[in-house]
């Protein structure tokens, strides 16, 4: 459901569904995180920064472990290179895992 909201341009609803799922202890698939983050990053002028902030919040609240966080961050950097230039990457340049595909 979160992915459907995100793909439909309803990013706020997608984020709310992700938080609800995590609060209820339901697992959120990696593809859902990728979809929501990608759509969030495409939305508006500060979209990419908002996606990085959301990703950081997911990590701080221990929804994501470090390796999943890094995979998602690298994917954002690959799709939105301006994040790397702006210093939003948090040192993830050493990881080469794609946003749209998983190796």
N, C-alpha and C. Protein backbone atom coordinates (compact mmCIF):
# COMPACT_ATOMS: atom_id res chain seq x y z
N UNK A 1 0.81 -1.18 0.00
CA UNK A 1 0.00 0.00 0.00
C UNK A 1 0.86 1.26 0.00
N UNK A 2 1.97 1.27 0.75
CA UNK A 2 2.85 2.43 0.79
C UNK A 2 3.42 2.72 -0.60
N UNK A 3 3.82 1.67 -1.31
CA UNK A 3 4.35 1.86 -2.66
C UNK A 3 3.30 2.46 -3.59
N UNK A 4 2.08 1.99 -3.47
CA UNK A 4 1.01 2.51 -4.32
C UNK A 4 0.78 3.99 -4.07
N UNK A 5 0.76 4.38 -2.80
CA UNK A 5 0.62 5.80 -2.49
C UNK A 5 1.78 6.60 -3.09
N UNK A 6 3.00 6.10 -2.89
CA UNK A 6 4.17 6.80 -3.39
C UNK A 6 4.13 6.97 -4.90
N UNK A 7 3.86 5.88 -5.60
CA UNK A 7 3.81 5.93 -7.06
C UNK A 7 2.67 6.82 -7.56
N UNK A 8 1.64 6.97 -6.74
CA UNK A 8 0.52 7.82 -7.09
C UNK A 8 0.75 9.28 -6.73
N UNK A 9 1.94 9.60 -6.24
CA UNK A 9 2.26 10.98 -5.89
C UNK A 9 1.81 11.39 -4.50
N UNK A 10 1.29 10.48 -3.75
CA UNK A 10 0.81 10.78 -2.40
C UNK A 10 1.88 10.36 -1.39
N UNK A 11 2.98 11.09 -1.41
CA UNK A 11 4.16 10.73 -0.63
C UNK A 11 3.89 10.78 0.87
N UNK A 12 3.18 11.79 1.32
CA UNK A 12 2.89 11.90 2.76
C UNK A 12 2.13 10.67 3.27
N UNK A 13 1.17 10.22 2.47
CA UNK A 13 0.42 9.03 2.85
C UNK A 13 1.31 7.80 2.86
N UNK A 14 2.21 7.72 1.88
CA UNK A 14 3.14 6.59 1.81
C UNK A 14 4.02 6.53 3.06
N UNK A 15 4.53 7.69 3.46
CA UNK A 15 5.37 7.76 4.66
C UNK A 15 4.56 7.36 5.90
N UNK A 16 3.33 7.83 5.98
CA UNK A 16 2.47 7.48 7.12
C UNK A 16 2.23 5.97 7.19
N UNK A 17 2.04 5.34 6.05
CA UNK A 17 1.83 3.89 6.02
C UNK A 17 3.09 3.16 6.47
N UNK A 18 4.26 3.63 6.03
CA UNK A 18 5.52 3.00 6.46
C UNK A 18 5.65 3.08 7.98
N UNK A 19 5.40 4.27 8.54
CA UNK A 19 5.50 4.41 10.00
C UNK A 19 4.48 3.52 10.72
N UNK A 20 3.28 3.46 10.20
CA UNK A 20 2.24 2.62 10.80
C UNK A 20 2.66 1.15 10.78
N UNK A 21 3.19 0.72 9.65
CA UNK A 21 3.63 -0.68 9.53
C UNK A 21 4.73 -0.99 10.53
N UNK A 22 5.70 -0.08 10.67
CA UNK A 22 6.80 -0.35 11.59
C UNK A 22 6.32 -0.31 13.04
N UNK A 23 5.40 0.58 13.33
CA UNK A 23 4.86 0.68 14.69
C UNK A 23 4.12 -0.60 15.08
N UNK A 24 3.45 -1.20 14.10
CA UNK A 24 2.71 -2.44 14.34
C UNK A 24 3.60 -3.68 14.29
N UNK A 25 4.89 -3.47 14.01
CA UNK A 25 5.82 -4.59 13.96
C UNK A 25 5.77 -5.39 12.68
N UNK A 26 5.10 -4.85 11.68
CA UNK A 26 5.04 -5.54 10.38
C UNK A 26 6.27 -5.20 9.58
N UNK A 27 6.80 -6.16 8.89
CA UNK A 27 7.97 -5.93 8.07
C UNK A 27 7.65 -5.09 6.85
N UNK A 28 8.57 -4.22 6.51
CA UNK A 28 8.45 -3.40 5.30
C UNK A 28 9.52 -3.90 4.34
N UNK A 29 9.11 -4.28 3.14
CA UNK A 29 10.06 -4.81 2.17
C UNK A 29 10.99 -3.72 1.65
N UNK A 30 12.18 -4.14 1.27
CA UNK A 30 13.18 -3.21 0.74
C UNK A 30 12.65 -2.46 -0.47
N UNK A 31 11.92 -3.13 -1.33
CA UNK A 31 11.38 -2.48 -2.52
C UNK A 31 10.41 -1.36 -2.12
N UNK A 32 9.71 -1.52 -1.03
CA UNK A 32 8.80 -0.47 -0.56
C UNK A 32 9.59 0.75 -0.11
N UNK A 33 10.65 0.52 0.67
CA UNK A 33 11.50 1.64 1.07
C UNK A 33 12.07 2.35 -0.16
N UNK A 34 12.55 1.58 -1.13
CA UNK A 34 13.12 2.18 -2.35
C UNK A 34 12.09 3.03 -3.08
N UNK A 35 10.89 2.50 -3.22
CA UNK A 35 9.84 3.22 -3.93
C UNK A 35 9.48 4.52 -3.22
N UNK A 36 9.23 4.43 -1.93
CA UNK A 36 8.83 5.62 -1.16
C UNK A 36 9.95 6.66 -1.18
N UNK A 37 11.17 6.23 -0.94
CA UNK A 37 12.30 7.18 -0.94
C UNK A 37 12.49 7.82 -2.32
N UNK A 38 12.41 7.01 -3.36
CA UNK A 38 12.59 7.53 -4.72
C UNK A 38 11.53 8.55 -5.08
N UNK A 39 10.28 8.24 -4.77
CA UNK A 39 9.20 9.18 -5.07
C UNK A 39 9.30 10.44 -4.21
N UNK A 40 9.71 10.27 -2.98
CA UNK A 40 9.91 11.41 -2.10
C UNK A 40 11.00 12.32 -2.67
N UNK A 41 12.09 11.72 -3.13
CA UNK A 41 13.21 12.49 -3.66
C UNK A 41 12.84 13.25 -4.94
N UNK A 42 11.91 12.73 -5.69
CA UNK A 42 11.49 13.38 -6.94
C UNK A 42 10.50 14.52 -6.71
N UNK A 43 9.95 14.57 -5.52
CA UNK A 43 8.88 15.52 -5.26
C UNK A 43 9.43 16.86 -4.75
N UNK A 44 9.12 17.91 -5.45
CA UNK A 44 9.44 19.25 -4.98
C UNK A 44 10.91 19.60 -4.98
N UNK A 45 11.16 20.82 -4.58
CA UNK A 45 12.51 21.36 -4.62
C UNK A 45 13.44 20.70 -3.60
N UNK A 46 12.92 20.38 -2.44
CA UNK A 46 13.76 19.79 -1.39
C UNK A 46 13.51 18.29 -1.23
N UNK A 47 12.96 17.67 -2.27
CA UNK A 47 12.59 16.26 -2.18
C UNK A 47 13.73 15.33 -1.82
N UNK A 48 14.89 15.49 -2.47
CA UNK A 48 16.02 14.60 -2.19
C UNK A 48 16.49 14.76 -0.75
N UNK A 49 16.54 16.00 -0.28
CA UNK A 49 16.93 16.25 1.11
C UNK A 49 15.91 15.64 2.08
N UNK A 50 14.62 15.73 1.72
CA UNK A 50 13.58 15.13 2.55
C UNK A 50 13.74 13.61 2.61
N UNK A 51 14.08 13.01 1.48
CA UNK A 51 14.28 11.56 1.44
C UNK A 51 15.45 11.15 2.32
N UNK A 52 16.53 11.92 2.28
CA UNK A 52 17.70 11.62 3.13
C UNK A 52 17.32 11.78 4.60
N UNK A 53 16.55 12.81 4.91
CA UNK A 53 16.13 13.02 6.30
C UNK A 53 15.25 11.86 6.78
N UNK A 54 14.32 11.41 5.93
CA UNK A 54 13.46 10.28 6.28
C UNK A 54 14.29 9.02 6.49
N UNK A 55 15.25 8.80 5.61
CA UNK A 55 16.13 7.64 5.73
C UNK A 55 16.92 7.70 7.04
N UNK A 56 17.41 8.88 7.38
CA UNK A 56 18.12 9.06 8.64
C UNK A 56 17.24 8.78 9.85
N UNK A 57 16.00 9.22 9.77
CA UNK A 57 15.07 8.99 10.87
C UNK A 57 14.76 7.49 11.02
N UNK A 58 14.62 6.80 9.89
CA UNK A 58 14.41 5.35 9.94
C UNK A 58 15.59 4.67 10.63
N UNK A 59 16.79 5.13 10.35
CA UNK A 59 17.98 4.54 10.96
C UNK A 59 18.04 4.87 12.46
N UNK A 60 17.80 6.14 12.81
CA UNK A 60 17.86 6.54 14.22
C UNK A 60 16.85 5.78 15.07
N UNK A 61 15.69 5.50 14.50
CA UNK A 61 14.65 4.77 15.23
C UNK A 61 14.85 3.26 15.12
N UNK A 62 15.96 2.85 14.53
CA UNK A 62 16.36 1.45 14.39
C UNK A 62 15.34 0.62 13.61
N UNK A 63 14.68 1.27 12.66
CA UNK A 63 13.81 0.54 11.73
C UNK A 63 14.69 -0.18 10.72
N UNK A 64 15.82 0.46 10.37
CA UNK A 64 16.77 -0.11 9.41
C UNK A 64 18.08 -0.42 10.10
N UNK A 65 18.70 -1.53 9.72
CA UNK A 65 20.05 -1.78 10.22
C UNK A 65 21.04 -1.03 9.33
N UNK A 66 22.28 -0.99 9.72
CA UNK A 66 23.28 -0.20 9.01
C UNK A 66 23.44 -0.64 7.56
N UNK A 67 23.46 -1.94 7.30
CA UNK A 67 23.70 -2.39 5.92
C UNK A 67 22.53 -2.02 5.00
N UNK A 68 21.30 -2.11 5.49
CA UNK A 68 20.15 -1.72 4.66
C UNK A 68 20.15 -0.21 4.46
N UNK A 69 20.46 0.55 5.52
CA UNK A 69 20.56 2.00 5.41
C UNK A 69 21.58 2.38 4.33
N UNK A 70 22.73 1.75 4.37
CA UNK A 70 23.78 2.05 3.38
C UNK A 70 23.32 1.72 1.97
N UNK A 71 22.67 0.59 1.82
CA UNK A 71 22.18 0.20 0.50
C UNK A 71 21.20 1.23 -0.04
N UNK A 72 20.28 1.67 0.79
CA UNK A 72 19.29 2.67 0.35
C UNK A 72 19.95 4.03 0.11
N UNK A 73 20.90 4.41 0.93
CA UNK A 73 21.58 5.70 0.76
C UNK A 73 22.38 5.71 -0.54
N UNK A 74 23.09 4.64 -0.81
CA UNK A 74 23.85 4.56 -2.07
C UNK A 74 22.91 4.65 -3.25
N UNK A 75 21.79 3.99 -3.15
CA UNK A 75 20.82 4.06 -4.24
C UNK A 75 20.33 5.47 -4.48
N UNK A 76 20.06 6.20 -3.41
CA UNK A 76 19.66 7.60 -3.57
C UNK A 76 20.76 8.42 -4.21
N UNK A 77 22.00 8.20 -3.77
CA UNK A 77 23.14 8.93 -4.34
C UNK A 77 23.33 8.62 -5.82
N UNK A 78 23.11 7.37 -6.20
CA UNK A 78 23.27 7.01 -7.60
C UNK A 78 22.19 7.64 -8.46
N UNK A 79 20.97 7.66 -7.94
CA UNK A 79 19.88 8.23 -8.72
C UNK A 79 19.85 9.75 -8.66
N UNK A 80 20.34 10.31 -7.56
CA UNK A 80 20.33 11.76 -7.36
C UNK A 80 21.75 12.20 -6.98
N UNK A 81 22.65 12.32 -7.97
CA UNK A 81 24.06 12.62 -7.69
C UNK A 81 24.28 13.92 -6.92
N UNK A 82 23.33 14.83 -6.97
CA UNK A 82 23.47 16.08 -6.23
C UNK A 82 23.60 15.84 -4.72
N UNK A 83 23.10 14.72 -4.25
CA UNK A 83 23.24 14.39 -2.84
C UNK A 83 24.69 14.17 -2.47
N UNK A 84 25.42 13.52 -3.34
CA UNK A 84 26.84 13.27 -3.08
C UNK A 84 27.60 14.58 -3.04
N UNK A 85 27.31 15.45 -4.00
CA UNK A 85 28.00 16.75 -4.05
C UNK A 85 27.65 17.61 -2.85
N UNK A 86 26.44 17.46 -2.35
CA UNK A 86 25.99 18.27 -1.23
C UNK A 86 26.43 17.70 0.12
N UNK A 87 27.10 16.57 0.08
CA UNK A 87 27.58 15.97 1.32
C UNK A 87 26.52 15.15 2.04
N UNK A 88 25.45 14.78 1.36
CA UNK A 88 24.38 14.04 2.01
C UNK A 88 24.64 12.56 2.12
N UNK A 89 25.79 12.09 1.64
CA UNK A 89 26.00 10.67 1.53
C UNK A 89 26.46 9.95 2.76
N UNK A 90 27.02 10.65 3.71
CA UNK A 90 27.44 9.98 4.92
C UNK A 90 28.53 8.95 4.69
N UNK A 91 29.38 9.16 3.68
CA UNK A 91 30.50 8.27 3.46
C UNK A 91 30.16 6.97 2.80
N UNK A 92 29.08 6.91 2.10
CA UNK A 92 28.67 5.63 1.52
C UNK A 92 29.27 5.41 0.13
N UNK A 93 30.21 6.25 -0.28
CA UNK A 93 30.80 6.10 -1.61
C UNK A 93 31.51 4.76 -1.80
N UNK A 94 31.84 4.10 -0.72
CA UNK A 94 32.54 2.83 -0.80
C UNK A 94 31.62 1.66 -1.14
N UNK A 95 30.34 1.88 -1.14
CA UNK A 95 29.38 0.82 -1.38
C UNK A 95 28.79 0.98 -2.76
N UNK A 96 28.75 -0.09 -3.52
CA UNK A 96 28.28 -0.04 -4.91
C UNK A 96 27.05 -0.92 -5.10
N UNK A 97 25.97 -0.56 -4.46
CA UNK A 97 24.74 -1.32 -4.57
C UNK A 97 23.69 -0.42 -5.20
N UNK A 98 23.03 -0.88 -6.23
CA UNK A 98 22.08 -0.05 -6.96
C UNK A 98 20.78 0.18 -6.24
N UNK A 99 20.16 1.29 -6.52
CA UNK A 99 18.88 1.65 -5.93
C UNK A 99 17.76 0.84 -6.50
N UNK A 100 17.77 0.62 -7.81
CA UNK A 100 16.68 -0.09 -8.47
C UNK A 100 16.92 -1.60 -8.53
N UNK A 101 18.11 -2.03 -8.23
CA UNK A 101 18.39 -3.46 -8.28
C UNK A 101 19.21 -3.83 -7.05
N UNK A 102 19.17 -5.06 -6.71
CA UNK A 102 19.91 -5.53 -5.54
C UNK A 102 20.86 -6.61 -5.99
N UNK A 103 22.10 -6.48 -5.62
CA UNK A 103 23.13 -7.49 -5.99
C UNK A 103 23.38 -8.42 -4.86
